[in-house]
């Protein structure tokens, strides 16, 4: 892991610790789920476009040239970046779910 990744994880944990109520945590969880879903859609679309750009020259529809190669490499780099961003989001979601679970157990024990 790089220092940037560790800092992102630390920031995510600090954000979770700053949340006080169960309603705030559930709202943030809903937002995280939306961001993760959006990232999954982007990865799927970019991956399909890259795959199409790879196959079209072999079918003879598109000429194989430098801009096409750059578009394919750019798509692959975007997918890799999205996976790194997704790891941070999934980790934050995981710790948020643990925090929500602990809060619900404390509420049940308090009754």
N, C-alpha and C. Protein backbone atom coordinates (compact mmCIF):
# COMPACT_ATOMS: atom_id res chain seq x y z
N UNK A 1 0.83 -1.19 0.00
CA UNK A 1 0.00 0.00 0.00
C UNK A 1 0.87 1.24 0.00
N UNK A 2 0.39 2.24 -0.70
CA UNK A 2 1.10 3.50 -0.74
C UNK A 2 0.59 4.41 0.37
N UNK A 3 1.36 5.45 0.63
CA UNK A 3 0.97 6.40 1.66
C UNK A 3 -0.37 7.04 1.37
N UNK A 4 -0.66 7.27 0.09
CA UNK A 4 -1.93 7.87 -0.30
C UNK A 4 -3.09 6.94 0.07
N UNK A 5 -2.92 5.65 -0.17
CA UNK A 5 -3.97 4.68 0.17
C UNK A 5 -4.20 4.62 1.67
N UNK A 6 -3.12 4.63 2.42
CA UNK A 6 -3.23 4.59 3.87
C UNK A 6 -3.91 5.86 4.39
N UNK A 7 -3.58 7.00 3.80
CA UNK A 7 -4.21 8.26 4.19
C UNK A 7 -5.70 8.24 3.86
N UNK A 8 -6.06 7.68 2.70
CA UNK A 8 -7.48 7.57 2.33
C UNK A 8 -8.24 6.70 3.32
N UNK A 9 -7.64 5.59 3.74
CA UNK A 9 -8.28 4.71 4.72
C UNK A 9 -8.42 5.41 6.07
N UNK A 10 -7.38 6.14 6.46
CA UNK A 10 -7.44 6.88 7.73
C UNK A 10 -8.55 7.92 7.69
N UNK A 11 -8.66 8.63 6.57
CA UNK A 11 -9.72 9.62 6.41
C UNK A 11 -11.10 8.97 6.46
N UNK A 12 -11.23 7.81 5.85
CA UNK A 12 -12.51 7.11 5.88
C UNK A 12 -12.89 6.71 7.30
N UNK A 13 -11.93 6.20 8.06
CA UNK A 13 -12.21 5.82 9.45
C UNK A 13 -12.52 7.04 10.30
N UNK A 14 -11.84 8.15 10.05
CA UNK A 14 -12.14 9.38 10.79
C UNK A 14 -13.55 9.87 10.48
N UNK A 15 -13.96 9.74 9.22
CA UNK A 15 -15.32 10.14 8.84
C UNK A 15 -16.37 9.30 9.57
N UNK A 16 -16.09 8.02 9.70
CA UNK A 16 -17.04 7.13 10.39
C UNK A 16 -17.10 7.47 11.87
N UNK A 17 -15.95 7.73 12.48
CA UNK A 17 -15.93 8.06 13.90
C UNK A 17 -16.60 9.40 14.18
N UNK A 18 -16.65 10.29 13.21
CA UNK A 18 -17.28 11.60 13.40
C UNK A 18 -18.81 11.49 13.43
N UNK A 19 -19.35 10.40 12.88
CA UNK A 19 -20.80 10.23 12.86
C UNK A 19 -21.28 9.81 14.25
N UNK A 20 -22.34 10.45 14.71
CA UNK A 20 -22.79 10.20 16.08
C UNK A 20 -24.04 9.34 16.16
N UNK A 21 -25.02 9.61 15.30
CA UNK A 21 -26.29 8.90 15.43
C UNK A 21 -26.39 7.77 14.40
N UNK A 22 -27.28 6.87 14.70
CA UNK A 22 -27.52 5.74 13.80
C UNK A 22 -28.11 6.23 12.48
N UNK A 23 -28.94 7.27 12.52
CA UNK A 23 -29.54 7.80 11.31
C UNK A 23 -28.48 8.40 10.38
N UNK A 24 -27.50 9.08 10.97
CA UNK A 24 -26.41 9.64 10.16
C UNK A 24 -25.62 8.52 9.50
N UNK A 25 -25.35 7.48 10.25
CA UNK A 25 -24.58 6.36 9.70
C UNK A 25 -25.33 5.67 8.58
N UNK A 26 -26.64 5.49 8.75
CA UNK A 26 -27.42 4.86 7.69
C UNK A 26 -27.51 5.74 6.45
N UNK A 27 -27.57 7.06 6.64
CA UNK A 27 -27.58 7.97 5.49
C UNK A 27 -26.26 7.90 4.73
N UNK A 28 -25.15 7.86 5.47
CA UNK A 28 -23.84 7.75 4.82
C UNK A 28 -23.70 6.40 4.12
N UNK A 29 -24.24 5.35 4.73
CA UNK A 29 -24.20 4.02 4.11
C UNK A 29 -24.97 4.03 2.79
N UNK A 30 -26.12 4.68 2.79
CA UNK A 30 -26.91 4.77 1.55
C UNK A 30 -26.13 5.51 0.48
N UNK A 31 -25.45 6.59 0.87
CA UNK A 31 -24.65 7.36 -0.07
C UNK A 31 -23.47 6.52 -0.60
N UNK A 32 -22.83 5.76 0.29
CA UNK A 32 -21.71 4.90 -0.13
C UNK A 32 -22.18 3.84 -1.11
N UNK A 33 -23.33 3.24 -0.83
CA UNK A 33 -23.87 2.24 -1.74
C UNK A 33 -24.13 2.84 -3.12
N UNK A 34 -24.64 4.08 -3.15
CA UNK A 34 -24.89 4.76 -4.42
C UNK A 34 -23.58 5.00 -5.16
N UNK A 35 -22.54 5.46 -4.45
CA UNK A 35 -21.25 5.72 -5.09
C UNK A 35 -20.63 4.43 -5.62
N UNK A 36 -20.75 3.36 -4.85
CA UNK A 36 -20.19 2.08 -5.29
C UNK A 36 -20.92 1.57 -6.52
N UNK A 37 -22.25 1.69 -6.53
CA UNK A 37 -23.03 1.26 -7.68
C UNK A 37 -22.66 2.08 -8.92
N UNK A 38 -22.51 3.40 -8.75
CA UNK A 38 -22.13 4.27 -9.86
C UNK A 38 -20.75 3.87 -10.40
N UNK A 39 -19.83 3.57 -9.50
CA UNK A 39 -18.49 3.16 -9.91
C UNK A 39 -18.52 1.84 -10.66
N UNK A 40 -19.36 0.91 -10.22
CA UNK A 40 -19.50 -0.37 -10.91
C UNK A 40 -20.04 -0.18 -12.32
N UNK A 41 -20.99 0.73 -12.48
CA UNK A 41 -21.56 0.99 -13.81
C UNK A 41 -20.50 1.61 -14.72
N UNK A 42 -19.73 2.54 -14.20
CA UNK A 42 -18.68 3.18 -14.99
C UNK A 42 -17.64 2.16 -15.43
N UNK A 43 -17.23 1.29 -14.51
CA UNK A 43 -16.24 0.26 -14.84
C UNK A 43 -16.78 -0.66 -15.93
N UNK A 44 -18.04 -1.04 -15.83
CA UNK A 44 -18.64 -1.92 -16.83
C UNK A 44 -18.69 -1.25 -18.20
N UNK A 45 -19.12 0.01 -18.23
CA UNK A 45 -19.23 0.72 -19.51
C UNK A 45 -17.85 0.93 -20.13
N UNK A 46 -16.89 1.39 -19.34
CA UNK A 46 -15.55 1.63 -19.87
C UNK A 46 -14.91 0.31 -20.32
N UNK A 47 -15.13 -0.75 -19.56
CA UNK A 47 -14.60 -2.06 -19.95
C UNK A 47 -15.21 -2.55 -21.26
N UNK A 48 -16.51 -2.38 -21.43
CA UNK A 48 -17.15 -2.80 -22.68
C UNK A 48 -16.68 -1.97 -23.87
N UNK A 49 -16.54 -0.66 -23.67
CA UNK A 49 -16.04 0.19 -24.76
C UNK A 49 -14.62 -0.21 -25.13
N UNK A 50 -13.78 -0.48 -24.14
CA UNK A 50 -12.40 -0.92 -24.43
C UNK A 50 -12.40 -2.24 -25.17
N UNK A 51 -13.26 -3.14 -24.76
CA UNK A 51 -13.35 -4.45 -25.43
C UNK A 51 -13.82 -4.30 -26.87
N UNK A 52 -14.77 -3.42 -27.09
CA UNK A 52 -15.24 -3.17 -28.45
C UNK A 52 -14.14 -2.56 -29.30
N UNK A 53 -13.39 -1.61 -28.71
CA UNK A 53 -12.29 -0.98 -29.45
C UNK A 53 -11.18 -1.98 -29.78
N UNK A 54 -11.05 -3.01 -28.95
CA UNK A 54 -10.04 -4.04 -29.23
C UNK A 54 -10.50 -4.94 -30.36
N UNK A 55 -11.79 -5.29 -30.36
CA UNK A 55 -12.28 -6.27 -31.35
C UNK A 55 -12.57 -5.66 -32.72
N UNK A 56 -12.94 -4.39 -32.81
CA UNK A 56 -13.29 -3.80 -34.10
C UNK A 56 -12.16 -3.84 -35.13
N UNK A 57 -10.89 -3.59 -34.77
CA UNK A 57 -9.83 -3.70 -35.79
C UNK A 57 -9.66 -5.14 -36.30
N UNK A 58 -9.90 -6.12 -35.45
CA UNK A 58 -9.76 -7.51 -35.90
C UNK A 58 -10.88 -7.90 -36.85
N UNK A 59 -12.03 -7.26 -36.73
CA UNK A 59 -13.14 -7.52 -37.64
C UNK A 59 -13.03 -6.71 -38.92
N UNK A 60 -12.08 -5.80 -38.98
CA UNK A 60 -11.87 -4.99 -40.17
C UNK A 60 -12.78 -3.78 -40.25
N UNK A 61 -13.46 -3.46 -39.20
CA UNK A 61 -14.38 -2.32 -39.21
C UNK A 61 -13.63 -1.01 -38.96
N UNK A 62 -12.68 -1.04 -38.06
CA UNK A 62 -11.89 0.14 -37.68
C UNK A 62 -10.44 -0.12 -38.02
N UNK A 63 -9.73 0.87 -38.52
CA UNK A 63 -8.29 0.67 -38.72
C UNK A 63 -7.56 0.72 -37.37
N UNK A 64 -6.53 -0.05 -37.27
CA UNK A 64 -5.74 -0.08 -36.04
C UNK A 64 -4.71 1.03 -36.12
N UNK A 65 -4.86 2.07 -35.28
CA UNK A 65 -3.94 3.20 -35.33
C UNK A 65 -3.63 3.67 -33.91
N UNK A 66 -2.79 4.69 -33.82
CA UNK A 66 -2.31 5.18 -32.53
C UNK A 66 -3.42 5.74 -31.64
N UNK A 67 -4.35 6.55 -32.15
CA UNK A 67 -5.43 7.02 -31.25
C UNK A 67 -6.27 5.89 -30.67
N UNK A 68 -6.47 4.84 -31.44
CA UNK A 68 -7.22 3.68 -30.95
C UNK A 68 -6.46 2.99 -29.82
N UNK A 69 -5.16 2.84 -29.99
CA UNK A 69 -4.34 2.22 -28.95
C UNK A 69 -4.36 3.09 -27.68
N UNK A 70 -4.26 4.39 -27.85
CA UNK A 70 -4.30 5.29 -26.70
C UNK A 70 -5.65 5.24 -25.99
N UNK A 71 -6.73 5.11 -26.76
CA UNK A 71 -8.06 5.00 -26.16
C UNK A 71 -8.19 3.71 -25.35
N UNK A 72 -7.65 2.62 -25.88
CA UNK A 72 -7.70 1.33 -25.18
C UNK A 72 -6.88 1.40 -23.88
N UNK A 73 -5.68 1.93 -23.97
CA UNK A 73 -4.82 2.04 -22.78
C UNK A 73 -5.46 2.98 -21.76
N UNK A 74 -6.03 4.09 -22.23
CA UNK A 74 -6.72 5.01 -21.32
C UNK A 74 -7.89 4.34 -20.61
N UNK A 75 -8.65 3.53 -21.33
CA UNK A 75 -9.75 2.80 -20.72
C UNK A 75 -9.28 1.83 -19.66
N UNK A 76 -8.20 1.13 -19.95
CA UNK A 76 -7.65 0.18 -18.98
C UNK A 76 -7.16 0.91 -17.73
N UNK A 77 -6.51 2.06 -17.93
CA UNK A 77 -6.05 2.84 -16.77
C UNK A 77 -7.22 3.37 -15.94
N UNK A 78 -8.31 3.76 -16.60
CA UNK A 78 -9.50 4.22 -15.87
C UNK A 78 -10.10 3.10 -15.03
N UNK A 79 -10.12 1.90 -15.58
CA UNK A 79 -10.66 0.75 -14.83
C UNK A 79 -9.78 0.46 -13.62
N UNK A 80 -8.48 0.52 -13.78
CA UNK A 80 -7.56 0.28 -12.66
C UNK A 80 -7.76 1.33 -11.57
N UNK A 81 -7.89 2.59 -11.98
CA UNK A 81 -8.12 3.67 -11.00
C UNK A 81 -9.45 3.47 -10.29
N UNK A 82 -10.46 3.05 -11.01
CA UNK A 82 -11.77 2.82 -10.40
C UNK A 82 -11.71 1.70 -9.38
N UNK A 83 -10.95 0.66 -9.65
CA UNK A 83 -10.81 -0.43 -8.68
C UNK A 83 -10.12 0.05 -7.40
N UNK A 84 -9.12 0.91 -7.54
CA UNK A 84 -8.45 1.46 -6.35
C UNK A 84 -9.40 2.33 -5.55
N UNK A 85 -10.18 3.16 -6.23
CA UNK A 85 -11.18 3.99 -5.53
C UNK A 85 -12.24 3.12 -4.89
N UNK A 86 -12.61 2.06 -5.56
CA UNK A 86 -13.62 1.15 -5.03
C UNK A 86 -13.16 0.43 -3.78
N UNK A 87 -11.88 0.13 -3.69
CA UNK A 87 -11.35 -0.52 -2.48
C UNK A 87 -11.55 0.36 -1.26
N UNK A 88 -11.28 1.65 -1.40
CA UNK A 88 -11.45 2.58 -0.28
C UNK A 88 -12.93 2.67 0.10
N UNK A 89 -13.80 2.77 -0.89
CA UNK A 89 -15.23 2.86 -0.62
C UNK A 89 -15.75 1.59 0.07
N UNK A 90 -15.30 0.43 -0.42
CA UNK A 90 -15.74 -0.83 0.18
C UNK A 90 -15.23 -0.97 1.62
N UNK A 91 -14.00 -0.51 1.86
CA UNK A 91 -13.47 -0.57 3.22
C UNK A 91 -14.25 0.34 4.14
N UNK A 92 -14.55 1.54 3.68
CA UNK A 92 -15.35 2.47 4.48
C UNK A 92 -16.73 1.89 4.76
N UNK A 93 -17.31 1.26 3.74
CA UNK A 93 -18.63 0.63 3.91
C UNK A 93 -18.56 -0.49 4.94
N UNK A 94 -17.50 -1.28 4.90
CA UNK A 94 -17.33 -2.39 5.83
C UNK A 94 -17.27 -1.89 7.27
N UNK A 95 -16.45 -0.89 7.52
CA UNK A 95 -16.33 -0.37 8.88
C UNK A 95 -17.61 0.35 9.32
N UNK A 96 -18.29 0.96 8.39
CA UNK A 96 -19.56 1.61 8.71
C UNK A 96 -20.61 0.58 9.08
N UNK A 97 -20.64 -0.54 8.38
CA UNK A 97 -21.57 -1.62 8.73
C UNK A 97 -21.27 -2.18 10.11
N UNK A 98 -20.01 -2.31 10.45
CA UNK A 98 -19.64 -2.77 11.79
C UNK A 98 -20.11 -1.78 12.84
N UNK A 99 -19.92 -0.49 12.57
CA UNK A 99 -20.33 0.54 13.50
C UNK A 99 -21.86 0.54 13.68
N UNK A 100 -22.59 0.39 12.60
CA UNK A 100 -24.06 0.34 12.67
C UNK A 100 -24.51 -0.88 13.46
N UNK A 101 -23.86 -2.01 13.22
CA UNK A 101 -24.20 -3.23 13.95
C UNK A 101 -23.95 -3.07 15.44
N UNK A 102 -22.83 -2.46 15.80
CA UNK A 102 -22.53 -2.22 17.21
C UNK A 102 -23.55 -1.29 17.85
N UNK A 103 -23.95 -0.24 17.13
CA UNK A 103 -24.96 0.69 17.65
C UNK A 103 -26.29 -0.01 17.88
N UNK A 104 -26.68 -0.88 16.94
CA UNK A 104 -27.96 -1.59 17.09
C UNK A 104 -27.90 -2.55 18.27
N UNK A 105 -26.76 -3.20 18.48
CA UNK A 105 -26.62 -4.11 19.64
C UNK A 105 -26.70 -3.32 20.94
N UNK A 106 -26.08 -2.15 20.98
CA UNK A 106 -26.14 -1.32 22.18
C UNK A 106 -27.56 -0.86 22.46
N UNK A 107 -28.31 -0.56 21.41
CA UNK A 107 -29.70 -0.15 21.61
C UNK A 107 -30.53 -1.30 22.14
N UNK A 108 -30.30 -2.51 21.62
CA UNK A 108 -31.05 -3.68 22.10
C UNK A 108 -30.68 -4.01 23.54
N UNK A 109 -29.40 -3.88 23.89
CA UNK A 109 -28.97 -4.16 25.26
C UNK A 109 -29.50 -3.11 26.23
N UNK A 110 -29.70 -1.89 25.75
CA UNK A 110 -30.19 -0.82 26.59
C UNK A 110 -31.67 -0.96 26.93
N UNK A 111 -32.39 -1.71 26.13
CA UNK A 111 -33.83 -1.88 26.38
C UNK A 111 -34.07 -2.83 27.46
